[in-house]
C-alpha cells in the first residue's frame, strides 16, 4: 500500500476568503447601504418640501379668493372701491400640513394691488406667500391676476 504525501495544502484548505477580500466586500456593502439611506433621506426632504409648497400655493389661492370677492364698482351711483391693498393686510399663518410634534411651518401672505388703467378700469392683483423649511429658504409662491370692474 502506498501513502501519498504532499507538501501542498489540500484543495479544501484553499477554499476560503482572504482578509483583503472580506474588507473590500464590507466596504462595497457599506457604500451601497449608505447610498440607499442617503437616497431615502433626500427623498423624504423633497417630499416635505413639496408638501409645504403645495400648502403655500393653496394659502395664496385662498387669499386671492378673498381679494376677488371685494367690491369694486366705479360706475355705480356711489362708486365703491374695496379693492385696495390697505384692506388686505399682511398675514402670518401656519401652513396646513400634517406635522409630527410642534414643528409648524409659518407662511407670510402679502397682497399687492396696482391700478393699471382708469378707463377701462383694470387692476393687477399679486399675492405672495413666503415660507421657509429645514433652515432653507425663503421660498415664495406667487399668484398674479387681473381684475376689471364689477
N, C-alpha and C. Protein backbone atom coordinates (compact mmCIF):
# COMPACT_ATOMS: atom_id res chain seq x y z
N UNK A 1 0.82 -1.15 0.00
CA UNK A 1 0.00 0.00 0.00
C UNK A 1 0.89 1.24 0.00
N UNK A 2 0.57 2.14 -0.84
CA UNK A 2 1.33 3.38 -0.95
C UNK A 2 0.60 4.52 -0.26
N UNK A 3 1.29 5.31 0.45
CA UNK A 3 0.71 6.50 1.08
C UNK A 3 1.30 7.70 0.36
N UNK A 4 0.44 8.47 -0.14
CA UNK A 4 0.87 9.64 -0.90
C UNK A 4 0.91 10.82 0.03
N UNK A 5 1.99 11.51 0.08
CA UNK A 5 2.16 12.64 0.95
C UNK A 5 2.69 13.81 0.13
N UNK A 6 2.05 14.99 0.32
CA UNK A 6 2.46 16.16 -0.44
C UNK A 6 2.62 17.35 0.51
N UNK A 7 3.48 18.28 0.14
CA UNK A 7 3.67 19.50 0.93
C UNK A 7 2.63 20.57 0.58
N UNK A 8 1.90 20.39 -0.50
CA UNK A 8 0.89 21.37 -0.89
C UNK A 8 -0.35 21.22 -0.01
N UNK A 9 -1.00 22.36 0.35
CA UNK A 9 -2.24 22.24 1.12
C UNK A 9 -3.31 21.62 0.26
N UNK A 10 -4.19 20.94 0.88
CA UNK A 10 -5.25 20.27 0.13
C UNK A 10 -6.18 21.31 -0.48
N UNK A 11 -7.01 20.86 -1.41
CA UNK A 11 -7.95 21.73 -2.11
C UNK A 11 -8.95 22.31 -1.13
N UNK A 12 -9.37 21.60 -0.14
CA UNK A 12 -10.34 22.08 0.84
C UNK A 12 -9.76 23.21 1.66
N UNK A 13 -8.49 23.19 1.92
CA UNK A 13 -7.89 24.23 2.72
C UNK A 13 -7.78 25.54 1.95
N UNK A 14 -7.81 25.48 0.62
CA UNK A 14 -7.69 26.69 -0.18
C UNK A 14 -9.04 27.32 -0.50
N UNK A 15 -10.17 26.76 -0.08
CA UNK A 15 -11.49 27.30 -0.38
C UNK A 15 -11.93 28.26 0.72
N UNK A 16 -11.57 29.50 0.64
CA UNK A 16 -11.95 30.49 1.64
C UNK A 16 -11.68 31.88 1.12
N UNK A 17 -11.99 32.86 1.94
CA UNK A 17 -11.77 34.25 1.56
C UNK A 17 -10.59 34.79 2.33
N UNK A 18 -9.85 35.60 1.65
CA UNK A 18 -8.74 36.26 2.35
C UNK A 18 -9.26 37.49 3.07
N UNK A 19 -8.47 38.02 3.95
CA UNK A 19 -8.87 39.20 4.71
C UNK A 19 -9.09 40.40 3.79
N UNK A 20 -8.30 40.53 2.77
CA UNK A 20 -8.45 41.64 1.82
C UNK A 20 -9.80 41.53 1.10
N UNK A 21 -10.17 40.35 0.68
CA UNK A 21 -11.46 40.17 0.01
C UNK A 21 -12.63 40.50 0.94
N UNK A 22 -12.54 40.12 2.19
CA UNK A 22 -13.60 40.42 3.15
C UNK A 22 -13.70 41.92 3.37
N UNK A 23 -12.59 42.60 3.52
CA UNK A 23 -12.61 44.05 3.75
C UNK A 23 -13.18 44.78 2.54
N UNK A 24 -12.82 44.38 1.35
CA UNK A 24 -13.35 45.01 0.14
C UNK A 24 -14.85 44.77 0.02
N UNK A 25 -15.32 43.58 0.31
CA UNK A 25 -16.75 43.30 0.20
C UNK A 25 -17.54 44.06 1.27
N UNK A 26 -16.98 44.20 2.48
CA UNK A 26 -17.65 45.00 3.52
C UNK A 26 -17.69 46.47 3.10
N UNK A 27 -16.65 46.97 2.50
CA UNK A 27 -16.63 48.35 2.01
C UNK A 27 -17.66 48.59 0.93
N UNK A 28 -17.79 47.67 0.00
CA UNK A 28 -18.79 47.79 -1.06
C UNK A 28 -20.20 47.74 -0.47
N UNK A 29 -20.42 46.85 0.47
CA UNK A 29 -21.73 46.77 1.12
C UNK A 29 -22.05 48.05 1.88
N UNK A 30 -21.05 48.62 2.55
CA UNK A 30 -21.25 49.88 3.29
C UNK A 30 -21.60 51.01 2.35
N UNK A 31 -20.93 51.11 1.22
CA UNK A 31 -21.25 52.15 0.24
C UNK A 31 -22.67 51.98 -0.29
N UNK A 32 -23.06 50.76 -0.57
CA UNK A 32 -24.41 50.50 -1.07
C UNK A 32 -25.48 50.87 -0.07
N UNK A 33 -25.30 50.46 1.18
CA UNK A 33 -26.28 50.77 2.23
C UNK A 33 -26.30 52.27 2.50
N UNK A 34 -25.13 52.90 2.51
CA UNK A 34 -25.07 54.36 2.70
C UNK A 34 -25.79 55.11 1.58
N UNK A 35 -25.65 54.64 0.36
CA UNK A 35 -26.35 55.26 -0.76
C UNK A 35 -27.86 55.11 -0.64
N UNK A 36 -28.31 53.96 -0.19
CA UNK A 36 -29.75 53.74 -0.02
C UNK A 36 -30.29 54.64 1.08
N UNK A 37 -29.59 54.73 2.20
CA UNK A 37 -30.05 55.57 3.32
C UNK A 37 -30.06 57.04 2.92
N UNK A 38 -29.00 57.53 2.27
CA UNK A 38 -28.97 58.94 1.88
C UNK A 38 -30.03 59.23 0.82
N UNK A 39 -30.30 58.30 -0.07
CA UNK A 39 -31.38 58.47 -1.03
C UNK A 39 -32.73 58.57 -0.36
N UNK A 40 -32.94 57.76 0.66
CA UNK A 40 -34.19 57.82 1.42
C UNK A 40 -34.34 59.16 2.13
N UNK A 41 -33.27 59.65 2.75
CA UNK A 41 -33.32 60.93 3.46
C UNK A 41 -33.60 62.08 2.50
N UNK A 42 -32.94 62.09 1.35
CA UNK A 42 -33.16 63.15 0.36
C UNK A 42 -34.58 63.11 -0.17
N UNK A 43 -35.10 61.91 -0.44
CA UNK A 43 -36.48 61.82 -0.96
C UNK A 43 -37.49 62.25 0.10
N UNK A 44 -37.22 61.98 1.37
CA UNK A 44 -38.12 62.42 2.44
C UNK A 44 -38.10 63.94 2.56
N UNK A 45 -36.92 64.56 2.45
CA UNK A 45 -36.84 66.02 2.49
C UNK A 45 -37.55 66.65 1.30
N UNK A 46 -37.41 66.08 0.12
CA UNK A 46 -38.08 66.59 -1.07
C UNK A 46 -39.59 66.44 -0.95
N UNK A 47 -40.04 65.35 -0.37
CA UNK A 47 -41.48 65.16 -0.18
C UNK A 47 -42.03 66.20 0.79
N UNK A 48 -41.28 66.49 1.86
CA UNK A 48 -41.71 67.50 2.81
C UNK A 48 -41.73 68.89 2.17
N UNK A 49 -40.72 69.20 1.36
CA UNK A 49 -40.68 70.48 0.66
C UNK A 49 -41.85 70.60 -0.30
N UNK A 50 -42.13 69.54 -1.03
CA UNK A 50 -43.23 69.55 -1.98
C UNK A 50 -44.57 69.73 -1.29
N UNK A 51 -44.75 69.10 -0.12
CA UNK A 51 -45.98 69.26 0.65
C UNK A 51 -46.14 70.70 1.10
N UNK A 52 -45.08 71.30 1.61
CA UNK A 52 -45.15 72.69 2.07
C UNK A 52 -45.39 73.64 0.90
N UNK A 53 -44.79 73.37 -0.25
CA UNK A 53 -45.00 74.22 -1.41
C UNK A 53 -46.45 74.16 -1.87
N UNK A 54 -47.03 72.97 -1.87
CA UNK A 54 -48.44 72.84 -2.23
C UNK A 54 -49.36 73.54 -1.25
N UNK A 55 -49.04 73.44 0.04
CA UNK A 55 -49.85 74.12 1.06
C UNK A 55 -49.72 75.63 0.93
N UNK A 56 -48.53 76.12 0.61
CA UNK A 56 -48.34 77.57 0.42
C UNK A 56 -49.10 78.05 -0.82
N UNK A 57 -49.13 77.24 -1.85
CA UNK A 57 -49.89 77.60 -3.06
C UNK A 57 -51.38 77.68 -2.73
N UNK A 58 -51.88 76.74 -1.96
CA UNK A 58 -53.29 76.78 -1.56
C UNK A 58 -53.59 77.99 -0.67
N UNK A 59 -52.64 78.34 0.20
CA UNK A 59 -52.83 79.51 1.05
C UNK A 59 -52.89 80.78 0.20
N UNK A 60 -52.03 80.88 -0.80
CA UNK A 60 -52.04 82.04 -1.69
C UNK A 60 -53.33 82.08 -2.49
N UNK A 61 -53.81 80.93 -2.93
CA UNK A 61 -55.07 80.90 -3.69
C UNK A 61 -56.25 81.32 -2.81
N UNK A 62 -56.25 80.91 -1.55
CA UNK A 62 -57.30 81.31 -0.64
C UNK A 62 -57.30 82.82 -0.42
N UNK A 63 -56.12 83.39 -0.29
CA UNK A 63 -56.00 84.84 -0.11
C UNK A 63 -56.45 85.56 -1.38
N UNK A 64 -56.13 85.02 -2.55
CA UNK A 64 -56.57 85.61 -3.81
C UNK A 64 -58.10 85.58 -3.92
N UNK A 65 -58.70 84.52 -3.45
CA UNK A 65 -60.17 84.45 -3.47
C UNK A 65 -60.78 85.50 -2.56
N UNK A 66 -60.14 85.78 -1.42
CA UNK A 66 -60.62 86.85 -0.55
C UNK A 66 -60.56 88.20 -1.26
N UNK A 67 -59.52 88.41 -2.04
CA UNK A 67 -59.38 89.67 -2.78
C UNK A 67 -60.40 89.74 -3.90
N UNK A 68 -60.65 88.65 -4.55
CA UNK A 68 -61.57 88.64 -5.69
C UNK A 68 -63.02 88.94 -5.30
N UNK A 69 -63.40 88.66 -4.05
CA UNK A 69 -64.79 88.93 -3.66
C UNK A 69 -64.99 90.36 -3.16
N UNK A 70 -63.92 91.14 -3.10
CA UNK A 70 -64.05 92.54 -2.68
C UNK A 70 -64.82 93.31 -3.76
N UNK A 71 -65.67 94.23 -3.31
CA UNK A 71 -66.49 95.02 -4.24
C UNK A 71 -65.64 96.12 -4.88
N UNK A 72 -65.84 96.28 -6.19
CA UNK A 72 -65.19 97.35 -6.94
C UNK A 72 -66.11 97.72 -8.08
N UNK A 73 -66.83 98.81 -7.90
CA UNK A 73 -67.80 99.25 -8.91
C UNK A 73 -67.68 100.76 -9.09
N UNK A 74 -66.78 101.20 -9.98
CA UNK A 74 -66.60 102.64 -10.19
C UNK A 74 -67.74 103.28 -10.98
N UNK A 75 -68.63 102.48 -11.58
CA UNK A 75 -69.70 103.01 -12.41
C UNK A 75 -71.02 103.14 -11.67
N UNK A 76 -71.08 102.76 -10.41
CA UNK A 76 -72.32 102.86 -9.64
C UNK A 76 -72.61 104.32 -9.32
N UNK A 77 -73.87 104.58 -8.85
CA UNK A 77 -74.23 105.95 -8.47
C UNK A 77 -73.32 106.46 -7.37
N UNK A 78 -73.02 105.61 -6.40
CA UNK A 78 -71.99 105.91 -5.40
C UNK A 78 -70.87 104.90 -5.61
N UNK A 79 -69.79 105.32 -6.25
CA UNK A 79 -68.71 104.37 -6.57
C UNK A 79 -68.18 103.66 -5.33
N UNK A 80 -67.92 102.37 -5.49
CA UNK A 80 -67.40 101.54 -4.41
C UNK A 80 -66.05 100.98 -4.86
N UNK A 81 -65.05 101.12 -3.98
CA UNK A 81 -63.74 100.55 -4.27
C UNK A 81 -63.15 99.95 -3.00
N UNK A 82 -63.45 98.69 -2.77
CA UNK A 82 -62.87 97.95 -1.65
C UNK A 82 -61.61 97.21 -2.06
N UNK A 83 -61.25 97.35 -3.33
CA UNK A 83 -60.12 96.62 -3.89
C UNK A 83 -58.85 97.48 -3.81
N UNK A 84 -58.36 97.67 -2.58
CA UNK A 84 -57.12 98.41 -2.34
C UNK A 84 -56.25 97.59 -1.39
N UNK A 85 -54.95 97.75 -1.50
CA UNK A 85 -54.01 96.94 -0.71
C UNK A 85 -54.20 97.12 0.79
N UNK A 86 -54.63 98.31 1.21
CA UNK A 86 -54.75 98.56 2.65
C UNK A 86 -55.88 97.75 3.28
N UNK A 87 -56.81 97.22 2.48
CA UNK A 87 -57.87 96.36 3.01
C UNK A 87 -57.40 94.92 3.24
N UNK A 88 -56.24 94.59 2.73
CA UNK A 88 -55.73 93.22 2.83
C UNK A 88 -54.33 93.26 3.44
N UNK A 89 -54.30 93.24 4.75
CA UNK A 89 -53.04 93.36 5.47
C UNK A 89 -52.23 92.07 5.37
N UNK A 90 -50.94 92.22 5.62
CA UNK A 90 -50.04 91.07 5.62
C UNK A 90 -50.44 90.13 6.75
N UNK A 91 -50.47 88.82 6.44
CA UNK A 91 -50.86 87.81 7.43
C UNK A 91 -49.79 86.75 7.56
N UNK A 92 -49.62 86.28 8.80
CA UNK A 92 -48.71 85.16 9.07
C UNK A 92 -49.56 84.04 9.64
N UNK A 93 -49.61 82.92 8.93
CA UNK A 93 -50.42 81.76 9.32
C UNK A 93 -49.58 80.50 9.17
N UNK A 94 -49.92 79.45 9.93
CA UNK A 94 -49.22 78.17 9.73
C UNK A 94 -49.74 77.49 8.46
N UNK A 95 -48.83 76.82 7.77
CA UNK A 95 -49.24 76.05 6.60
C UNK A 95 -50.05 74.85 7.05
N UNK A 96 -51.04 74.48 6.28
CA UNK A 96 -51.91 73.36 6.63
C UNK A 96 -51.30 72.06 6.11
N UNK A 97 -50.32 71.56 6.85
CA UNK A 97 -49.66 70.30 6.51
C UNK A 97 -49.70 69.40 7.73
N UNK A 98 -49.67 68.11 7.48
CA UNK A 98 -49.64 67.15 8.58
C UNK A 98 -48.25 67.14 9.19
N UNK A 99 -48.18 67.45 10.47
CA UNK A 99 -46.89 67.53 11.15
C UNK A 99 -46.86 66.62 12.36
N UNK A 100 -45.68 66.22 12.73
CA UNK A 100 -45.48 65.45 13.95
C UNK A 100 -44.87 66.39 14.98
N UNK A 101 -45.52 66.54 16.12
CA UNK A 101 -45.00 67.41 17.17
C UNK A 101 -45.36 68.86 16.92
N UNK A 102 -44.44 69.73 17.27
CA UNK A 102 -44.70 71.17 17.18
C UNK A 102 -43.87 71.85 16.11
N UNK A 103 -43.55 71.16 15.07
CA UNK A 103 -42.72 71.73 14.00
C UNK A 103 -43.59 72.45 12.97
N UNK A 104 -44.30 73.47 13.39
CA UNK A 104 -45.18 74.21 12.47
C UNK A 104 -44.33 75.03 11.51
N UNK A 105 -44.81 75.09 10.27
CA UNK A 105 -44.17 75.91 9.25
C UNK A 105 -45.09 77.09 9.00
N UNK A 106 -44.57 78.31 9.21
CA UNK A 106 -45.37 79.51 9.06
C UNK A 106 -45.09 80.16 7.72
N UNK A 107 -46.14 80.77 7.16
CA UNK A 107 -46.02 81.46 5.88
C UNK A 107 -46.61 82.86 6.02
N UNK A 108 -46.01 83.79 5.30
CA UNK A 108 -46.48 85.17 5.30
C UNK A 108 -47.09 85.47 3.94
N UNK A 109 -48.34 85.90 3.93
CA UNK A 109 -49.00 86.26 2.67
C UNK A 109 -49.11 87.78 2.58
N UNK A 110 -48.76 88.30 1.42
CA UNK A 110 -48.79 89.72 1.15
C UNK A 110 -49.59 89.96 -0.12
N UNK A 111 -50.51 90.92 -0.07
CA UNK A 111 -51.34 91.26 -1.23
C UNK A 111 -50.91 92.63 -1.74
N UNK A 112 -50.67 92.71 -3.05
CA UNK A 112 -50.33 93.97 -3.70
C UNK A 112 -51.33 94.21 -4.82
N UNK A 113 -51.96 95.38 -4.81
CA UNK A 113 -52.96 95.72 -5.83
C UNK A 113 -52.52 97.01 -6.50
N UNK A 114 -52.40 96.98 -7.81
CA UNK A 114 -51.99 98.15 -8.60
C UNK A 114 -53.06 98.47 -9.64
N UNK A 115 -53.34 99.75 -9.83
CA UNK A 115 -54.26 100.18 -10.88
C UNK A 115 -53.48 100.28 -12.18
N UNK A 116 -53.91 99.52 -13.18
CA UNK A 116 -53.24 99.54 -14.47
C UNK A 116 -53.84 100.59 -15.39
N UNK A 117 -55.18 100.61 -15.49
CA UNK A 117 -55.88 101.55 -16.35
C UNK A 117 -57.05 102.13 -15.58
N UNK A 118 -57.36 103.39 -15.86
CA UNK A 118 -58.53 104.03 -15.27
C UNK A 118 -59.72 103.89 -16.21
N UNK A 119 -59.48 104.02 -17.51
CA UNK A 119 -60.56 103.86 -18.48
C UNK A 119 -60.07 102.96 -19.60
N UNK A 120 -60.48 101.76 -19.72
CA UNK A 120 -61.38 100.98 -18.88
C UNK A 120 -60.67 100.60 -17.58
N UNK A 121 -61.44 100.50 -16.48
CA UNK A 121 -60.81 100.20 -15.19
C UNK A 121 -60.25 98.78 -15.14
N UNK A 122 -58.98 98.69 -14.77
CA UNK A 122 -58.31 97.39 -14.69
C UNK A 122 -57.26 97.45 -13.59
N UNK A 123 -57.24 96.43 -12.74
CA UNK A 123 -56.26 96.36 -11.66
C UNK A 123 -55.51 95.03 -11.72
N UNK A 124 -54.25 95.09 -11.30
CA UNK A 124 -53.42 93.88 -11.19
C UNK A 124 -53.37 93.49 -9.72
N UNK A 125 -53.60 92.21 -9.45
CA UNK A 125 -53.58 91.68 -8.08
C UNK A 125 -52.46 90.65 -8.00
N UNK A 126 -51.59 90.86 -7.03
CA UNK A 126 -50.48 89.93 -6.82
C UNK A 126 -50.50 89.46 -5.37
N UNK A 127 -50.43 88.14 -5.18
CA UNK A 127 -50.39 87.55 -3.84
C UNK A 127 -49.09 86.76 -3.72
N UNK A 128 -48.28 87.10 -2.73
CA UNK A 128 -47.03 86.40 -2.45
C UNK A 128 -47.17 85.65 -1.14
N UNK A 129 -46.77 84.39 -1.15
CA UNK A 129 -46.76 83.57 0.06
C UNK A 129 -45.30 83.13 0.28
N UNK A 130 -44.69 83.66 1.34
CA UNK A 130 -43.27 83.41 1.62
C UNK A 130 -43.17 82.46 2.81
N UNK A 131 -42.35 81.41 2.68
CA UNK A 131 -42.20 80.40 3.72
C UNK A 131 -40.80 79.83 3.69
N UNK A 132 -40.38 79.22 4.81
CA UNK A 132 -39.07 78.57 4.92
C UNK A 132 -39.24 77.21 5.56
N UNK A 133 -38.33 76.29 5.23
CA UNK A 133 -38.36 74.95 5.81
C UNK A 133 -36.94 74.40 5.89
N UNK A 134 -36.69 73.61 6.91
CA UNK A 134 -35.41 72.92 7.09
C UNK A 134 -34.23 73.88 7.05
N UNK A 135 -34.40 75.04 7.66
CA UNK A 135 -33.36 76.07 7.69
C UNK A 135 -32.95 76.49 6.29
N UNK A 136 -33.84 76.32 5.35
CA UNK A 136 -33.58 76.76 3.97
C UNK A 136 -34.68 77.72 3.57
N UNK A 137 -34.41 78.50 2.59
CA UNK A 137 -35.41 79.42 2.10
C UNK A 137 -34.90 80.84 2.25
N UNK A 138 -35.72 81.81 2.09
CA UNK A 138 -37.17 81.70 1.95
C UNK A 138 -37.57 81.31 0.53
N UNK A 139 -38.70 80.64 0.45
CA UNK A 139 -39.31 80.27 -0.82
C UNK A 139 -40.56 81.12 -0.99
N UNK A 140 -40.91 81.44 -2.23
CA UNK A 140 -42.06 82.29 -2.50
C UNK A 140 -42.95 81.65 -3.55
N UNK A 141 -44.24 81.54 -3.22
CA UNK A 141 -45.25 81.13 -4.18
C UNK A 141 -46.02 82.41 -4.54
N UNK A 142 -46.11 82.72 -5.82
CA UNK A 142 -46.72 83.97 -6.27
C UNK A 142 -47.85 83.69 -7.23
N UNK A 143 -48.96 84.41 -7.02
CA UNK A 143 -50.09 84.38 -7.95
C UNK A 143 -50.31 85.80 -8.46
N UNK A 144 -50.60 85.93 -9.74
CA UNK A 144 -50.84 87.23 -10.35
C UNK A 144 -52.08 87.10 -11.23
N UNK A 145 -53.01 88.03 -11.06
CA UNK A 145 -54.19 88.04 -11.89
C UNK A 145 -54.61 89.47 -12.14
N UNK A 146 -55.52 89.65 -13.09
CA UNK A 146 -56.07 90.96 -13.42
C UNK A 146 -57.55 90.96 -13.12
N UNK A 147 -58.06 92.13 -12.78
CA UNK A 147 -59.48 92.22 -12.50
C UNK A 147 -60.05 93.50 -13.09
N UNK A 148 -61.18 93.34 -13.77
CA UNK A 148 -61.93 94.50 -14.29
C UNK A 148 -63.00 94.86 -13.29
N UNK A 149 -63.59 96.00 -13.47
CA UNK A 149 -64.64 96.46 -12.55
C UNK A 149 -65.85 95.56 -12.62
N UNK A 150 -66.65 95.55 -11.51
CA UNK A 150 -67.86 94.71 -11.45
C UNK A 150 -68.86 95.13 -12.49
